[in-house]
Amino acid sequence: MNHFEIVAHRGIATETPENTLEAFERAVQLGADAIELDVRLTSDQVPIVFHYFYLHENTSASGVIYDFSLEQLRRVRVFCRHNAGSVGSISTLPEVLEALGGRIGFEIEIKGPEPEAPQIIGDVLNRFKHLWGTIEVTSYEPALLLAFQAQCPGIPVDLLISRSEAWMGLDVVYYQALHRARLSRARAVHLHPTQLSAAVVTALRHHGIEIHMWDANDESSLATAVEYGIPRVCTDRFQQATAFRDRLITAE
């Protein structure tokens, strides 16, 4: 499968601050199939697009994200790790959907641990039903996915699988992915390139579970995606992934 979809992880974060409208707009300009974005709640229960638990990771503020209201976060600057001249701001989930809806797909990760997050995010997405065909929701937590499905049963949910510990063989990866995917009622699992093998892919598909790839950040990983017919990859290096796919298509 040479025509796999490419998801820009947190937008084009190599040029612009990750998870910002600037990063997402750049992904649209470069032709990404979708953007991956992370959603957390503010202290006043507003769903915002931000990855980290602590603000000091990549912003002008410090502290735990959940202790800040939306009004306070409006004053926070978000920095780009790879481009000191690029500065952005934190957006709400509705703002991102409003700005980009109809121009790109969305892979929305629900970050834990708030049990209220699935309902609040579901309430937002129910206001954007015209975009449901372009949205998938992901999480590492089966409980969050189950709660979300009760709010938006028409949106596919995928389970994220953490990178394996050194002691874990691929048989452990398979059983963990299968068990947690069934528990989540997930359409697909997202695996790291090191977790893939012909046996794992065949067995999961035998049970009706599709496989997507995350951390597809080098040509070896992308070649693995092609080898196993992975339909969608998520990458921090969008231009490299696009160039790789273009070469495959040209060679057909």
Protein backbone atom coordinates (compact mmCIF):
# COMPACT_ATOMS: atom_id res chain seq x y z
CA MET A 1 0.00 0.00 0.00
CA ASN A 2 1.94 3.01 -1.29
CA HIS A 3 -0.88 5.50 -0.81
CA PHE A 4 -0.94 5.58 2.99
CA GLU A 5 -2.33 8.70 4.64
CA ILE A 6 0.07 10.96 6.52
CA VAL A 7 -0.95 12.63 9.78
CA ALA A 8 1.07 15.65 10.95
CA HIS A 9 1.75 15.03 14.65
CA ARG A 10 0.72 18.21 16.51
CA GLY A 11 0.85 20.00 13.16
CA ILE A 12 4.14 21.00 11.54
CA ALA A 13 5.98 21.36 14.83
CA THR A 14 9.41 21.51 13.20
CA GLU A 15 8.63 25.03 11.97
CA THR A 16 5.88 26.35 14.24
CA PRO A 17 4.78 25.87 17.87
CA GLU A 18 3.15 22.46 18.22
CA ASN A 19 -0.61 22.16 18.68
CA THR A 20 -1.21 25.75 17.59
CA LEU A 21 -3.27 27.15 14.76
CA GLU A 22 -0.01 28.17 13.08
CA ALA A 23 1.21 24.56 13.11
CA PHE A 24 -2.11 23.28 11.81
CA GLU A 25 -2.38 25.89 9.06
CA ARG A 26 1.10 24.94 7.92
CA ALA A 27 -0.02 21.30 7.73
CA VAL A 28 -2.90 22.35 5.49
CA GLN A 29 -0.49 24.30 3.26
CA LEU A 30 1.81 21.28 2.91
CA GLY A 31 -1.05 18.93 2.05
CA ALA A 32 -1.33 16.76 5.17
CA ASP A 33 -4.20 14.29 5.18
CA ALA A 34 -4.88 15.02 8.84
CA ILE A 35 -3.47 16.66 11.94
CA GLU A 36 -3.01 15.01 15.32
CA LEU A 37 -3.94 17.22 18.26
CA ASP A 38 -4.18 16.74 22.01
CA VAL A 39 -7.06 17.97 24.14
CA ARG A 40 -7.00 18.79 27.85
CA LEU A 41 -9.37 20.72 30.09
CA THR A 42 -8.79 24.07 31.75
CA SER A 43 -9.73 24.75 35.37
CA ASP A 44 -13.05 26.10 34.09
CA GLN A 45 -13.65 22.95 32.02
CA VAL A 46 -12.91 24.33 28.56
CA PRO A 47 -11.33 21.85 26.11
CA ILE A 48 -8.05 23.31 24.88
CA VAL A 49 -5.47 21.98 22.44
CA PHE A 50 -2.30 21.30 24.42
CA HIS A 51 -0.14 18.22 24.96
CA TYR A 52 1.73 18.63 28.20
CA PHE A 53 0.68 18.31 31.84
CA TYR A 54 3.05 21.14 32.81
CA LEU A 55 3.08 24.49 31.06
CA HIS A 56 6.83 25.06 31.43
CA GLU A 57 7.54 22.38 28.81
CA ASN A 58 7.11 24.82 25.92
CA THR A 59 5.40 28.02 27.08
CA SER A 60 6.05 31.32 28.85
CA ALA A 61 4.23 30.09 31.98
CA SER A 62 4.79 27.39 34.59
CA GLY A 63 2.48 25.19 36.58
CA VAL A 64 -0.06 22.45 35.95
CA ILE A 65 -2.33 23.10 32.98
CA TYR A 66 -5.48 22.15 34.92
CA ASP A 67 -4.88 24.96 37.43
CA PHE A 68 -5.31 27.66 34.78
CA SER A 69 -8.53 29.12 33.43
CA LEU A 70 -9.03 29.81 29.75
CA GLU A 71 -8.70 33.55 30.41
CA GLN A 72 -5.31 32.99 32.05
CA LEU A 73 -4.12 30.71 29.27
CA ARG A 74 -5.01 33.32 26.64
CA ARG A 75 -1.99 35.30 27.90
CA VAL A 76 0.43 32.37 27.61
CA ARG A 77 2.88 32.23 24.70
CA VAL A 78 3.74 28.88 23.12
CA PHE A 79 7.25 28.43 21.73
CA CYS A 80 8.61 26.29 18.92
CA ARG A 81 11.44 23.99 19.96
CA HIS A 82 12.99 24.10 16.49
CA ASN A 83 12.40 27.72 15.48
CA ALA A 84 13.00 30.38 18.12
CA GLY A 85 11.35 33.05 16.01
CA SER A 86 7.99 31.29 15.88
CA VAL A 87 5.56 31.98 18.74
CA GLY A 88 1.92 30.95 19.04
CA SER A 89 -0.94 30.75 21.51
CA ILE A 90 -3.22 28.11 23.00
CA SER A 91 -6.53 27.56 21.19
CA THR A 92 -9.73 25.87 22.22
CA LEU A 93 -10.98 22.77 20.43
CA PRO A 94 -13.97 24.62 18.90
CA GLU A 95 -11.63 27.31 17.55
CA VAL A 96 -9.47 24.73 15.81
CA LEU A 97 -12.45 22.93 14.31
CA GLU A 98 -13.99 26.21 13.16
CA ALA A 99 -10.75 27.40 11.56
CA LEU A 100 -9.77 24.17 9.82
CA GLY A 101 -12.95 22.17 9.35
CA GLY A 102 -13.44 20.95 5.78
CA ARG A 103 -9.79 21.53 4.85
CA ILE A 104 -8.06 18.68 6.70
CA GLY A 105 -8.80 15.62 8.83
CA PHE A 106 -8.54 15.53 12.62
CA GLU A 107 -7.03 12.90 14.90
CA ILE A 108 -8.09 14.09 18.36
CA GLU A 109 -6.38 12.54 21.37
CA ILE A 110 -8.20 12.74 24.69
CA LYS A 111 -5.59 13.27 27.37
CA GLY A 112 -6.30 11.97 30.87
CA PRO A 113 -7.02 11.90 33.65
CA GLU A 114 -10.26 13.91 33.95
CA PRO A 115 -13.32 11.65 33.70
CA GLU A 116 -15.34 14.66 32.47
CA ALA A 117 -13.23 15.06 29.33
CA PRO A 118 -15.10 12.60 27.06
CA GLN A 119 -18.46 14.25 27.71
CA ILE A 120 -17.14 17.79 27.31
CA ILE A 121 -15.29 16.91 24.10
CA GLY A 122 -18.34 15.01 22.89
CA ASP A 123 -20.53 18.04 23.50
CA VAL A 124 -18.20 20.10 21.31
CA LEU A 125 -18.08 17.54 18.51
CA ASN A 126 -21.86 17.25 18.51
CA ARG A 127 -21.88 20.90 17.43
CA PHE A 128 -19.68 19.95 14.47
CA LYS A 129 -21.54 16.92 13.13
CA HIS A 130 -20.85 18.04 9.57
CA LEU A 131 -17.18 17.22 10.25
CA TRP A 132 -17.67 13.75 11.73
CA GLY A 133 -16.52 12.07 8.54
CA THR A 134 -13.13 13.75 8.95
CA ILE A 135 -12.61 13.01 12.66
CA GLU A 136 -11.23 10.11 14.65
CA VAL A 137 -10.73 10.16 18.42
CA THR A 138 -7.88 8.40 20.18
CA SER A 139 -6.67 7.73 23.71
CA TYR A 140 -4.40 5.44 25.66
CA GLU A 141 -7.27 4.85 28.12
CA PRO A 142 -10.08 2.41 27.23
CA ALA A 143 -12.37 4.02 29.82
CA LEU A 144 -12.10 7.42 28.13
CA LEU A 145 -12.87 5.91 24.71
CA LEU A 146 -15.90 4.04 26.03
CA ALA A 147 -17.24 7.18 27.68
CA PHE A 148 -16.70 9.17 24.49
CA GLN A 149 -18.53 6.61 22.35
CA ALA A 150 -21.61 7.12 24.50
CA GLN A 151 -21.56 10.80 23.47
CA CYS A 152 -20.66 10.44 19.78
CA PRO A 153 -21.32 6.88 18.57
CA GLY A 154 -20.79 7.90 14.94
CA ILE A 155 -17.14 8.90 15.35
CA PRO A 156 -14.53 6.11 15.10
CA VAL A 157 -12.27 5.63 18.10
CA ASP A 158 -8.76 4.21 18.03
CA LEU A 159 -6.65 2.94 20.91
CA LEU A 160 -3.09 4.18 21.35
CA ILE A 161 -0.58 1.58 22.52
CA SER A 162 2.46 2.82 24.45
CA ARG A 163 5.93 1.92 23.28
CA SER A 164 6.85 -1.50 24.65
CA GLU A 165 9.17 -2.07 27.58
CA ALA A 166 12.43 -3.84 26.78
CA TRP A 167 11.22 -7.11 28.29
CA MET A 168 8.04 -7.26 26.22
CA GLY A 169 8.08 -9.60 23.24
CA LEU A 170 5.78 -9.16 20.27
CA ASP A 171 3.45 -11.80 21.69
CA VAL A 172 2.88 -9.54 24.69
CA VAL A 173 2.30 -6.59 22.35
CA TYR A 174 -0.31 -8.57 20.45
CA TYR A 175 -2.24 -9.75 23.50
CA GLN A 176 -2.11 -6.32 25.11
CA ALA A 177 -3.33 -4.63 21.92
CA LEU A 178 -6.08 -7.18 21.33
CA HIS A 179 -7.37 -7.14 24.90
CA ARG A 180 -7.37 -3.36 25.25
CA ALA A 181 -8.84 -2.80 21.79
CA ARG A 182 -11.72 -5.15 22.54
CA LEU A 183 -12.23 -3.46 25.90
CA SER A 184 -12.31 -0.07 24.17
CA ARG A 185 -14.48 -1.24 21.25
CA ALA A 186 -11.80 0.43 19.12
CA ARG A 187 -11.75 0.36 15.34
CA ALA A 188 -7.95 0.36 15.24
CA VAL A 189 -4.85 0.31 17.40
CA HIS A 190 -1.93 2.67 16.88
CA LEU A 191 1.38 0.85 17.23
CA HIS A 192 5.00 1.95 17.28
CA PRO A 193 7.11 0.62 14.36
CA THR A 194 9.06 -1.63 16.75
CA GLN A 195 5.82 -3.37 17.74
CA LEU A 196 4.99 -4.56 14.24
CA SER A 197 5.56 -7.96 12.72
CA ALA A 198 3.76 -10.05 10.13
CA ALA A 199 2.33 -12.21 12.92
CA VAL A 200 1.06 -9.25 14.96
CA VAL A 201 -0.52 -7.56 11.93
CA THR A 202 -2.15 -10.75 10.65
CA ALA A 203 -3.52 -11.73 14.06
CA LEU A 204 -5.02 -8.33 14.84
CA ARG A 205 -6.63 -8.07 11.42
CA HIS A 206 -8.02 -11.57 11.87
CA HIS A 207 -9.98 -10.14 14.80
CA GLY A 208 -11.17 -7.17 12.73
CA ILE A 209 -8.78 -4.65 14.26
CA GLU A 210 -6.94 -2.31 11.91
CA ILE A 211 -3.44 -1.03 12.59
CA HIS A 212 -2.13 2.50 12.26
CA MET A 213 1.44 3.60 13.02
CA TRP A 214 2.68 6.38 15.27
CA ASP A 215 6.24 7.77 15.48
CA ALA A 216 6.84 7.07 11.78
CA ASN A 217 9.84 9.36 11.80
CA ASP A 218 12.36 7.67 9.52
CA GLU A 219 12.41 5.83 6.22
CA SER A 220 12.82 2.47 7.93
CA SER A 221 9.53 2.98 9.77
CA LEU A 222 7.80 4.16 6.61
CA ALA A 223 9.10 1.12 4.74
CA THR A 224 7.63 -1.05 7.50
CA ALA A 225 4.29 0.68 7.02
CA VAL A 226 4.39 -0.14 3.31
CA GLU A 227 5.46 -3.73 3.96
CA TYR A 228 2.48 -4.41 6.21
CA GLY A 229 -0.06 -2.31 4.33
CA ILE A 230 -0.57 0.21 7.13
CA PRO A 231 -3.15 2.71 5.83
CA ARG A 232 -2.22 5.66 8.03
CA VAL A 233 0.94 6.90 9.74
CA CYS A 234 1.50 9.73 12.20
CA THR A 235 4.81 11.55 11.97
CA ASP A 236 6.81 14.46 13.37
CA ARG A 237 8.66 14.72 10.06
CA PHE A 238 5.91 15.40 7.60
CA GLN A 239 8.03 16.56 4.67
CA GLN A 240 10.25 13.48 4.89
CA ALA A 241 7.23 11.17 4.98
CA THR A 242 5.63 12.94 2.03
CA ALA A 243 8.82 12.72 -0.02
CA PHE A 244 9.05 8.99 0.74
CA ARG A 245 5.45 8.40 -0.33
CA ASP A 246 5.89 10.49 -3.47
CA ARG A 247 8.90 8.42 -4.52
CA LEU A 248 6.90 5.22 -4.13
CA ILE A 249 4.01 6.57 -6.18
CA THR A 250 6.36 7.82 -8.92
CA ALA A 251 8.02 4.41 -9.12
CA GLU A 252 4.73 2.56 -9.68
